[in-house]
Amino acid sequence: MENHGQISGGLDRRDALKTAGTMLAASVTGMAAPAAAQGRQAVSAKSEMLSIGQRLQGIQHFGLTVQNMDRAFTFYTEVLGGTEVMRDGDFQGERIHNTLLTGQEIEARTRGVNPRAMGIPDLRGGAQRLDVRFIQFDNVVVELLQYRDADQPMGGPRAFAEPLDHMSPAFPRMMHICFHIRDDVDFNQFIADLEAESDRRGMTNVRANRVVTVATEAERRAAPLDANSNGITEGKSDGWRLIYCIGSEGEQLEFVQALGPVKRTFDAALEARRKLVSASR
């Protein structure tokens, strides 16, 4: 008598109504379902005739595995100005483990070593967990990922695996995230402000290169302001200005401006790409 929300069999009234509604909707739309399914099949068949490239709609995000999630999040939102899209986490279990780590598990088994010795977390058994945060910039999303031991808190400073120390951009498989600076911004001052703001937040490893030769950190700091960027004034890259920089997690970043001839080259390529994609639809 006390469980007024329950009906026979222990089914909640809300669930019962929901089930009844679903059955009614199914009976009403049952005749339309085959037609809808046929429509979906036709669309699928058409899409399968497109080339691999024609089936894509661009880059959705760049992913970065981090040592310290909160620190990285602060850098990409409060320093670089991105906006949080969403965060999720505590991912574990066989399905997500296999989704992300099947290739590495096979390699470990082939080598005859413990996967953990190769820095492969155990999401399957839940000893490690995965957390993610997505950050929106004007034209792309950056995803931060942290693999942590199950007893570590979300967002903490302790990752499961040690960070890579050799981060030279010359290593095959190395990637970088490139940020596009607005046309009207003083590039050299931007780099100085970026380093100063990072320093203020304790991120003393955020360091941009200089275009002059320096042998020590003190010399790098003492370099003149106009050494903060490399402006290219000839060839096909005329109008391109760039510098490489290390981010808060040791990741390779690039900052660029594209002005003059090179800007027109990229704008024309984008317009041609849009026309090509539109024509293929």
C-alpha atoms as a PDB file:
ATOM      1  CA  MET A   1       0.000   0.000   0.000  1.00  0.00           C
ATOM      2  CA  GLU A   2       2.899   2.344   0.631  1.00  0.00           C
ATOM      3  CA  ASN A   3       4.384   2.003  -2.883  1.00  0.00           C
ATOM      4  CA  HIS A   4       1.660   3.980  -4.662  1.00  0.00           C
ATOM      5  CA  GLY A   5       3.923   4.496  -7.678  1.00  0.00           C
ATOM      6  CA  GLN A   6       4.139   0.739  -8.329  1.00  0.00           C
ATOM      7  CA  ILE A   7       1.764  -1.559 -10.244  1.00  0.00           C
ATOM      8  CA  SER A   8       1.771  -5.354 -10.542  1.00  0.00           C
ATOM      9  CA  GLY A   9       5.164  -6.897 -11.019  1.00  0.00           C
ATOM     10  CA  GLY A  10       6.870  -3.919  -9.396  1.00  0.00           C
ATOM     11  CA  LEU A  11       6.752  -1.803 -12.559  1.00  0.00           C
ATOM     12  CA  ASP A  12       6.732   1.932 -11.900  1.00  0.00           C
ATOM     13  CA  ARG A  13       3.664   3.720 -13.299  1.00  0.00           C
ATOM     14  CA  ARG A  14       5.855   6.168 -15.191  1.00  0.00           C
ATOM     15  CA  ASP A  15       7.695   3.258 -16.797  1.00  0.00           C
ATOM     16  CA  ALA A  16       4.408   1.577 -17.623  1.00  0.00           C
ATOM     17  CA  LEU A  17       3.036   4.699 -19.284  1.00  0.00           C
ATOM     18  CA  LYS A  18       6.286   5.154 -21.173  1.00  0.00           C
ATOM     19  CA  THR A  19       6.120   1.541 -22.378  1.00  0.00           C
ATOM     20  CA  ALA A  20       2.490   1.921 -23.411  1.00  0.00           C
ATOM     21  CA  GLY A  21       3.261   5.113 -25.276  1.00  0.00           C
ATOM     22  CA  THR A  22       6.128   3.453 -27.083  1.00  0.00           C
ATOM     23  CA  MET A  23       3.901   0.552 -28.140  1.00  0.00           C
ATOM     24  CA  LEU A  24       1.204   2.954 -29.388  1.00  0.00           C
ATOM     25  CA  ALA A  25       3.720   5.006 -31.346  1.00  0.00           C
ATOM     26  CA  ALA A  26       5.126   1.851 -32.862  1.00  0.00           C
ATOM     27  CA  SER A  27       1.659   0.697 -33.971  1.00  0.00           C
ATOM     28  CA  VAL A  28       0.907   4.063 -35.574  1.00  0.00           C
ATOM     29  CA  THR A  29       4.218   4.371 -37.391  1.00  0.00           C
ATOM     30  CA  GLY A  30       4.723   0.709 -38.135  1.00  0.00           C
ATOM     31  CA  MET A  31       3.715   1.047 -41.762  1.00  0.00           C
ATOM     32  CA  ALA A  32       6.010   4.009 -42.273  1.00  0.00           C
ATOM     33  CA  ALA A  33       9.030   2.285 -40.757  1.00  0.00           C
ATOM     34  CA  PRO A  34       9.898   0.125 -43.788  1.00  0.00           C
ATOM     35  CA  ALA A  35       9.797   3.191 -46.046  1.00  0.00           C
ATOM     36  CA  ALA A  36      12.059   5.115 -43.680  1.00  0.00           C
ATOM     37  CA  ALA A  37      14.443   2.180 -43.530  1.00  0.00           C
ATOM     38  CA  GLN A  38      14.510   2.002 -47.322  1.00  0.00           C
ATOM     39  CA  GLY A  39      15.313   5.721 -47.441  1.00  0.00           C
ATOM     40  CA  ARG A  40      18.216   5.277 -45.061  1.00  0.00           C
ATOM     41  CA  GLN A  41      19.520   2.347 -47.087  1.00  0.00           C
ATOM     42  CA  ALA A  42      19.376   4.431 -50.263  1.00  0.00           C
ATOM     43  CA  VAL A  43      21.328   7.260 -48.626  1.00  0.00           C
ATOM     44  CA  SER A  44      23.853   4.757 -47.287  1.00  0.00           C
ATOM     45  CA  ALA A  45      24.284   3.140 -50.678  1.00  0.00           C
ATOM     46  CA  LYS A  46      24.866   6.535 -52.273  1.00  0.00           C
ATOM     47  CA  SER A  47      27.442   7.539 -49.663  1.00  0.00           C
ATOM     48  CA  GLU A  48      29.326   4.280 -50.127  1.00  0.00           C
ATOM     49  CA  MET A  49      29.886   5.214 -53.784  1.00  0.00           C
ATOM     50  CA  LEU A  50      31.819   8.329 -52.721  1.00  0.00           C
ATOM     51  CA  SER A  51      35.574   8.308 -52.315  1.00  0.00           C
ATOM     52  CA  ILE A  52      37.049   8.154 -48.811  1.00  0.00           C
ATOM     53  CA  GLY A  53      37.768  11.875 -48.858  1.00  0.00           C
ATOM     54  CA  GLN A  54      34.273  12.760 -50.046  1.00  0.00           C
ATOM     55  CA  ARG A  55      32.825  10.970 -47.034  1.00  0.00           C
ATOM     56  CA  LEU A  56      34.639  13.258 -44.602  1.00  0.00           C
ATOM     57  CA  GLN A  57      33.536  16.684 -43.429  1.00  0.00           C
ATOM     58  CA  GLY A  58      36.826  18.005 -42.106  1.00  0.00           C
ATOM     59  CA  ILE A  59      38.838  17.701 -38.911  1.00  0.00           C
ATOM     60  CA  GLN A  60      36.677  17.536 -35.778  1.00  0.00           C
ATOM     61  CA  HIS A  61      39.378  17.847 -33.132  1.00  0.00           C
ATOM     62  CA  PHE A  62      43.022  17.386 -32.185  1.00  0.00           C
ATOM     63  CA  GLY A  63      43.689  15.160 -29.178  1.00  0.00           C
ATOM     64  CA  LEU A  64      46.416  15.700 -26.601  1.00  0.00           C
ATOM     65  CA  THR A  65      47.235  13.271 -23.784  1.00  0.00           C
ATOM     66  CA  VAL A  66      48.304  15.282 -20.749  1.00  0.00           C
ATOM     67  CA  GLN A  67      50.167  14.779 -17.488  1.00  0.00           C
ATOM     68  CA  ASN A  68      48.115  17.237 -15.436  1.00  0.00           C
ATOM     69  CA  MET A  69      44.532  17.728 -16.611  1.00  0.00           C
ATOM     70  CA  ASP A  70      43.671  20.810 -14.551  1.00  0.00           C
ATOM     71  CA  ARG A  71      46.902  22.564 -15.538  1.00  0.00           C
ATOM     72  CA  ALA A  72      46.410  21.793 -19.226  1.00  0.00           C
ATOM     73  CA  PHE A  73      42.781  22.891 -19.069  1.00  0.00           C
ATOM     74  CA  THR A  74      43.793  26.195 -17.490  1.00  0.00           C
ATOM     75  CA  PHE A  75      46.401  26.762 -20.197  1.00  0.00           C
ATOM     76  CA  TYR A  76      44.045  26.111 -23.103  1.00  0.00           C
ATOM     77  CA  THR A  77      41.083  28.023 -21.646  1.00  0.00           C
ATOM     78  CA  GLU A  78      42.408  30.820 -19.430  1.00  0.00           C
ATOM     79  CA  VAL A  79      45.706  31.498 -21.240  1.00  0.00           C
ATOM     80  CA  LEU A  80      44.822  30.697 -24.861  1.00  0.00           C
ATOM     81  CA  GLY A  81      41.147  31.568 -24.478  1.00  0.00           C
ATOM     82  CA  GLY A  82      39.356  28.401 -25.557  1.00  0.00           C
ATOM     83  CA  THR A  83      35.850  27.611 -24.339  1.00  0.00           C
ATOM     84  CA  GLU A  84      34.901  24.353 -22.673  1.00  0.00           C
ATOM     85  CA  VAL A  85      32.515  22.228 -24.732  1.00  0.00           C
ATOM     86  CA  MET A  86      32.069  19.320 -22.330  1.00  0.00           C
ATOM     87  CA  ARG A  87      33.922  16.975 -20.047  1.00  0.00           C
ATOM     88  CA  ASP A  88      33.424  13.307 -19.328  1.00  0.00           C
ATOM     89  CA  GLY A  89      35.427  10.660 -17.609  1.00  0.00           C
ATOM     90  CA  ASP A  90      36.052   7.605 -15.493  1.00  0.00           C
ATOM     91  CA  PHE A  91      35.937   5.565 -18.697  1.00  0.00           C
ATOM     92  CA  GLN A  92      36.760   1.917 -18.096  1.00  0.00           C
ATOM     93  CA  GLY A  93      35.755  -1.553 -19.218  1.00  0.00           C
ATOM     94  CA  GLU A  94      36.414  -3.984 -22.031  1.00  0.00           C
ATOM     95  CA  ARG A  95      34.646  -2.071 -24.784  1.00  0.00           C
ATOM     96  CA  ILE A  96      36.514   1.229 -24.362  1.00  0.00           C
ATOM     97  CA  HIS A  97      39.788  -0.616 -23.729  1.00  0.00           C
ATOM     98  CA  ASN A  98      39.460  -2.494 -27.005  1.00  0.00           C
ATOM     99  CA  THR A  99      38.321   0.632 -28.853  1.00  0.00           C
ATOM    100  CA  LEU A 100      41.454   2.561 -27.927  1.00  0.00           C
ATOM    101  CA  LEU A 101      44.162   0.009 -27.214  1.00  0.00           C
ATOM    102  CA  THR A 102      43.728  -3.155 -29.312  1.00  0.00           C
ATOM    103  CA  GLY A 103      46.747  -2.432 -31.535  1.00  0.00           C
ATOM    104  CA  GLN A 104      49.041  -1.740 -28.595  1.00  0.00           C
ATOM    105  CA  GLU A 105      47.856  -4.891 -26.781  1.00  0.00           C
ATOM    106  CA  ILE A 106      48.670  -7.004 -29.845  1.00  0.00           C
ATOM    107  CA  GLU A 107      52.114  -5.414 -30.081  1.00  0.00           C
ATOM    108  CA  ALA A 108      52.829  -6.155 -26.405  1.00  0.00           C
ATOM    109  CA  ARG A 109      51.710  -9.738 -26.840  1.00  0.00           C
ATOM    110  CA  THR A 110      53.912 -10.089 -29.936  1.00  0.00           C
ATOM    111  CA  ARG A 111      56.901  -8.755 -28.000  1.00  0.00           C
ATOM    112  CA  GLY A 112      56.124 -11.042 -25.080  1.00  0.00           C
ATOM    113  CA  VAL A 113      56.036  -8.229 -22.508  1.00  0.00           C
ATOM    114  CA  ASN A 114      53.570  -6.973 -19.930  1.00  0.00           C
ATOM    115  CA  PRO A 115      51.428  -4.266 -21.569  1.00  0.00           C
ATOM    116  CA  ARG A 116      51.896  -2.094 -18.491  1.00  0.00           C
ATOM    117  CA  ALA A 117      55.667  -2.085 -19.143  1.00  0.00           C
ATOM    118  CA  MET A 118      54.896  -0.415 -22.486  1.00  0.00           C
ATOM    119  CA  GLY A 119      52.741   2.274 -20.896  1.00  0.00           C
ATOM    120  CA  ILE A 120      49.466   0.595 -21.886  1.00  0.00           C
ATOM    121  CA  PRO A 121      46.813   1.221 -19.223  1.00  0.00           C
ATOM    122  CA  ASP A 122      44.373  -1.433 -18.003  1.00  0.00           C
ATOM    123  CA  LEU A 123      41.033   0.148 -18.779  1.00  0.00           C
ATOM    124  CA  ARG A 124      39.580  -3.316 -19.268  1.00  0.00           C
ATOM    125  CA  GLY A 125      40.027  -4.296 -15.629  1.00  0.00           C
ATOM    126  CA  GLY A 126      39.495  -0.783 -14.311  1.00  0.00           C
ATOM    127  CA  ALA A 127      42.944  -0.352 -12.756  1.00  0.00           C
ATOM    128  CA  GLN A 128      43.256   2.808 -14.836  1.00  0.00           C
ATOM    129  CA  ARG A 129      40.624   5.283 -16.005  1.00  0.00           C
ATOM    130  CA  LEU A 130      40.358   7.796 -18.838  1.00  0.00           C
ATOM    131  CA  ASP A 131      39.037  11.358 -18.506  1.00  0.00           C
ATOM    132  CA  VAL A 132      38.460  13.806 -21.367  1.00  0.00           C
ATOM    133  CA  ARG A 133      37.694  17.500 -21.785  1.00  0.00           C
ATOM    134  CA  PHE A 134      36.846  19.214 -25.080  1.00  0.00           C
ATOM    135  CA  ILE A 135      37.781  22.853 -25.708  1.00  0.00           C
ATOM    136  CA  GLN A 136      36.371  24.895 -28.580  1.00  0.00           C
ATOM    137  CA  PHE A 137      38.385  27.397 -30.576  1.00  0.00           C
ATOM    138  CA  ASP A 138      37.017  29.309 -33.549  1.00  0.00           C
ATOM    139  CA  ASN A 139      37.701  26.661 -36.149  1.00  0.00           C
ATOM    140  CA  VAL A 140      38.648  23.443 -34.336  1.00  0.00           C
ATOM    141  CA  VAL A 141      38.230  21.565 -31.069  1.00  0.00           C
ATOM    142  CA  VAL A 142      41.107  20.413 -28.858  1.00  0.00           C
ATOM    143  CA  GLU A 143      40.511  17.297 -26.756  1.00  0.00           C
ATOM    144  CA  LEU A 144      42.544  16.824 -23.587  1.00  0.00           C
ATOM    145  CA  LEU A 145      42.893  13.225 -22.393  1.00  0.00           C
ATOM    146  CA  GLN A 146      44.289  11.963 -19.111  1.00  0.00           C
ATOM    147  CA  TYR A 147      44.903   8.322 -18.262  1.00  0.00           C
ATOM    148  CA  ARG A 148      45.145   7.933 -14.474  1.00  0.00           C
ATOM    149  CA  ASP A 149      45.202   5.197 -11.858  1.00  0.00           C
ATOM    150  CA  ALA A 150      41.766   4.445 -10.457  1.00  0.00           C
ATOM    151  CA  ASP A 151      42.697   5.774  -7.005  1.00  0.00           C
ATOM    152  CA  GLN A 152      43.701   9.179  -8.413  1.00  0.00           C
ATOM    153  CA  PRO A 153      41.157  12.020  -8.591  1.00  0.00           C
ATOM    154  CA  MET A 154      39.844  13.433 -11.841  1.00  0.00           C
ATOM    155  CA  GLY A 155      41.872  16.420 -12.995  1.00  0.00           C
ATOM    156  CA  GLY A 156      44.839  15.623 -10.779  1.00  0.00           C
ATOM    157  CA  PRO A 157      48.536  15.985 -11.535  1.00  0.00           C
ATOM    158  CA  ARG A 158      49.433  12.277 -11.667  1.00  0.00           C
ATOM    159  CA  ALA A 159      49.047  10.476 -14.970  1.00  0.00           C
ATOM    160  CA  PHE A 160      49.387   6.722 -15.462  1.00  0.00           C
ATOM    161  CA  ALA A 161      52.357   6.806 -17.825  1.00  0.00           C
ATOM    162  CA  GLU A 162      55.453   8.964 -17.759  1.00  0.00           C
ATOM    163  CA  PRO A 163      55.615  11.783 -20.317  1.00  0.00           C
ATOM    164  CA  LEU A 164      57.846  11.541 -23.351  1.00  0.00           C
ATOM    165  CA  ASP A 165      61.008  13.552 -22.914  1.00  0.00           C
ATOM    166  CA  HIS A 166      62.260  13.691 -26.514  1.00  0.00           C
ATOM    167  CA  MET A 167      59.901  16.110 -28.195  1.00  0.00           C
ATOM    168  CA  SER A 168      61.908  17.255 -31.209  1.00  0.00           C
ATOM    169  CA  PRO A 169      59.584  17.983 -34.160  1.00  0.00           C
ATOM    170  CA  ALA A 170      62.018  15.993 -36.320  1.00  0.00           C
ATOM    171  CA  PHE A 171      60.857  12.669 -34.833  1.00  0.00           C
ATOM    172  CA  PRO A 172      58.541  10.767 -37.197  1.00  0.00           C
ATOM    173  CA  ARG A 173      54.981  10.602 -35.775  1.00  0.00           C
ATOM    174  CA  MET A 174      55.479  13.854 -33.909  1.00  0.00           C
ATOM    175  CA  MET A 175      52.517  16.182 -34.313  1.00  0.00           C
ATOM    176  CA  HIS A 176      51.812  19.738 -33.268  1.00  0.00           C
ATOM    177  CA  ILE A 177      48.839  22.018 -32.711  1.00  0.00           C
ATOM    178  CA  CYS A 178      48.971  25.257 -34.674  1.00  0.00           C
ATOM    179  CA  PHE A 179      47.093  28.366 -33.541  1.00  0.00           C
ATOM    180  CA  HIS A 180      46.201  31.104 -36.015  1.00  0.00           C
ATOM    181  CA  ILE A 181      46.887  34.618 -34.694  1.00  0.00           C
ATOM    182  CA  ARG A 182      44.580  37.396 -35.880  1.00  0.00           C
ATOM    183  CA  ASP A 183      45.834  39.590 -38.713  1.00  0.00           C
ATOM    184  CA  ASP A 184      45.836  42.789 -36.623  1.00  0.00           C
ATOM    185  CA  VAL A 185      47.781  41.362 -33.654  1.00  0.00           C
ATOM    186  CA  ASP A 186      51.439  42.208 -32.995  1.00  0.00           C
ATOM    187  CA  PHE A 187      52.931  38.713 -33.216  1.00  0.00           C
ATOM    188  CA  ASN A 188      56.108  39.444 -31.248  1.00  0.00           C
ATOM    189  CA  GLN A 189      54.201  41.077 -28.407  1.00  0.00           C
ATOM    190  CA  PHE A 190      51.739  38.186 -28.377  1.00  0.00           C
ATOM    191  CA  ILE A 191      54.564  35.724 -27.702  1.00  0.00           C
ATOM    192  CA  ALA A 192      55.982  37.924 -24.935  1.00  0.00           C
ATOM    193  CA  ASP A 193      52.541  38.183 -23.331  1.00  0.00           C
ATOM    194  CA  LEU A 194      51.936  34.432 -23.689  1.00  0.00           C
ATOM    195  CA  GLU A 195      55.148  33.626 -21.807  1.00  0.00           C
ATOM    196  CA  ALA A 196      54.459  36.256 -19.147  1.00  0.00           C
ATOM    197  CA  GLU A 197      50.905  35.044 -18.537  1.00  0.00           C
ATOM    198  CA  SER A 198      52.078  31.429 -18.341  1.00  0.00           C
ATOM    199  CA  ASP A 199      54.826  32.420 -15.895  1.00  0.00           C
ATOM    200  CA  ARG A 200      52.239  34.177 -13.746  1.00  0.00           C
ATOM    201  CA  ARG A 201      50.300  30.923 -13.501  1.00  0.00           C
ATOM    202  CA  GLY A 202      53.383  28.869 -12.621  1.00  0.00           C
ATOM    203  CA  MET A 203      53.692  27.300 -16.083  1.00  0.00           C
ATOM    204  CA  THR A 204      57.354  28.139 -16.423  1.00  0.00           C
ATOM    205  CA  ASN A 205      57.900  25.486 -19.095  1.00  0.00           C
ATOM    206  CA  VAL A 206      55.792  27.403 -21.648  1.00  0.00           C
ATOM    207  CA  ARG A 207      58.618  28.717 -23.807  1.00  0.00           C
ATOM    208  CA  ALA A 208      58.695  29.921 -27.402  1.00  0.00           C
ATOM    209  CA  ASN A 209      61.769  29.652 -29.597  1.00  0.00           C
ATOM    210  CA  ARG A 210      63.713  32.656 -30.866  1.00  0.00           C
ATOM    211  CA  VAL A 211      64.907  33.321 -34.405  1.00  0.00           C
ATOM    212  CA  VAL A 212      68.392  34.238 -33.192  1.00  0.00           C
ATOM    213  CA  THR A 213      70.870  31.685 -31.911  1.00  0.00           C
ATOM    214  CA  VAL A 214      70.901  31.327 -28.116  1.00  0.00           C
ATOM    215  CA  ALA A 215      72.774  28.788 -25.991  1.00  0.00           C
ATOM    216  CA  THR A 216      71.084  29.180 -22.593  1.00  0.00           C
ATOM    217  CA  GLU A 217      67.700  29.992 -21.142  1.00  0.00           C
ATOM    218  CA  ALA A 218      69.072  33.317 -19.930  1.00  0.00           C
ATOM    219  CA  GLU A 219      70.113  34.208 -23.479  1.00  0.00           C
ATOM    220  CA  ARG A 220      66.723  33.154 -24.813  1.00  0.00           C
ATOM    221  CA  ARG A 221      64.999  35.450 -22.313  1.00  0.00           C
ATOM    222  CA  ALA A 222      67.358  38.312 -23.152  1.00  0.00           C
ATOM    223  CA  ALA A 223      66.762  38.110 -26.906  1.00  0.00           C
ATOM    224  CA  PRO A 224      65.124  41.218 -28.422  1.00  0.00           C
ATOM    225  CA  LEU A 225      61.372  41.346 -28.922  1.00  0.00           C
ATOM    226  CA  ASP A 226      61.639  41.085 -32.708  1.00  0.00           C
ATOM    227  CA  ALA A 227      63.319  37.680 -32.305  1.00  0.00           C
ATOM    228  CA  ASN A 228      59.970  36.176 -31.213  1.00  0.00           C
ATOM    229  CA  SER A 229      58.783  35.322 -34.716  1.00  0.00           C
ATOM    230  CA  ASN A 230      60.065  34.433 -38.153  1.00  0.00           C
ATOM    231  CA  GLY A 231      58.517  36.496 -40.932  1.00  0.00           C
ATOM    232  CA  ILE A 232      58.938  35.009 -44.400  1.00  0.00           C
ATOM    233  CA  THR A 233      59.075  37.564 -47.218  1.00  0.00           C
ATOM    234  CA  GLU A 234      59.823  35.536 -50.332  1.00  0.00           C
ATOM    235  CA  GLY A 235      58.748  32.477 -52.259  1.00  0.00           C
ATOM    236  CA  LYS A 236      55.374  30.757 -51.919  1.00  0.00           C
ATOM    237  CA  SER A 237      55.357  31.372 -48.140  1.00  0.00           C
ATOM    238  CA  ASP A 238      55.646  35.153 -48.521  1.00  0.00           C
ATOM    239  CA  GLY A 239      53.514  36.675 -45.748  1.00  0.00           C
ATOM    240  CA  TRP A 240      53.792  33.697 -43.387  1.00  0.00           C
ATOM    241  CA  ARG A 241      54.974  34.432 -39.818  1.00  0.00           C
ATOM    242  CA  LEU A 242      55.577  31.665 -37.309  1.00  0.00           C
ATOM    243  CA  ILE A 243      57.284  30.394 -34.192  1.00  0.00           C
ATOM    244  CA  TYR A 244      57.356  27.051 -32.400  1.00  0.00           C
ATOM    245  CA  CYS A 245      56.555  26.893 -28.700  1.00  0.00           C
ATOM    246  CA  ILE A 246      56.318  24.302 -25.921  1.00  0.00           C
ATOM    247  CA  GLY A 247      52.964  24.136 -24.122  1.00  0.00           C
ATOM    248  CA  SER A 248      52.148  23.497 -20.475  1.00  0.00           C
ATOM    249  CA  GLU A 249      52.377  19.693 -20.855  1.00  0.00           C
ATOM    250  CA  GLY A 250      55.516  19.761 -22.986  1.00  0.00           C
ATOM    251  CA  GLU A 251      53.504  19.490 -26.185  1.00  0.00           C
ATOM    252  CA  GLN A 252      54.673  21.030 -29.440  1.00  0.00           C
ATOM    253  CA  LEU A 253      52.706  24.139 -30.410  1.00  0.00           C
ATOM    254  CA  GLU A 254      52.994  26.513 -33.341  1.00  0.00           C
ATOM    255  CA  PHE A 255      51.662  30.046 -33.707  1.00  0.00           C
ATOM    256  CA  VAL A 256      51.220  31.566 -37.154  1.00  0.00           C
ATOM    257  CA  GLN A 257      49.945  34.555 -39.064  1.00  0.00           C
ATOM    258  CA  ALA A 258      49.139  34.283 -42.755  1.00  0.00           C
ATOM    259  CA  LEU A 259      49.145  37.654 -44.512  1.00  0.00           C
ATOM    260  CA  GLY A 260      49.678  38.966 -48.046  1.00  0.00           C
ATOM    261  CA  PRO A 261      50.344  36.457 -50.858  1.00  0.00           C
ATOM    262  CA  VAL A 262      50.227  33.363 -48.643  1.00  0.00           C
ATOM    263  CA  LYS A 263      46.877  34.435 -47.181  1.00  0.00           C
ATOM    264  CA  ARG A 264      45.451  34.747 -50.681  1.00  0.00           C
ATOM    265  CA  THR A 265      46.826  31.296 -51.521  1.00  0.00           C
ATOM    266  CA  PHE A 266      45.106  29.688 -48.528  1.00  0.00           C
ATOM    267  CA  ASP A 267      41.863  31.610 -49.094  1.00  0.00           C
ATOM    268  CA  ALA A 268      41.749  30.487 -52.726  1.00  0.00           C
ATOM    269  CA  ALA A 269      42.437  26.883 -51.745  1.00  0.00           C
ATOM    270  CA  LEU A 270      39.630  26.961 -49.183  1.00  0.00           C
ATOM    271  CA  GLU A 271      37.179  28.379 -51.699  1.00  0.00           C
ATOM    272  CA  ALA A 272      38.170  25.741 -54.270  1.00  0.00           C
ATOM    273  CA  ARG A 273      37.749  23.035 -51.630  1.00  0.00           C
ATOM    274  CA  ARG A 274      34.253  24.255 -50.744  1.00  0.00           C
ATOM    275  CA  LYS A 275      33.214  24.239 -54.409  1.00  0.00           C
ATOM    276  CA  LEU A 276      34.597  20.718 -54.856  1.00  0.00           C
ATOM    277  CA  VAL A 277      32.760  19.403 -51.815  1.00  0.00           C
ATOM    278  CA  SER A 278      29.542  21.150 -52.831  1.00  0.00           C
ATOM    279  CA  ALA A 279      29.709  19.671 -56.333  1.00  0.00           C
ATOM    280  CA  SER A 280      30.171  16.136 -54.968  1.00  0.00           C
ATOM    281  CA  ARG A 281      26.984  16.241 -52.884  1.00  0.00           C
END
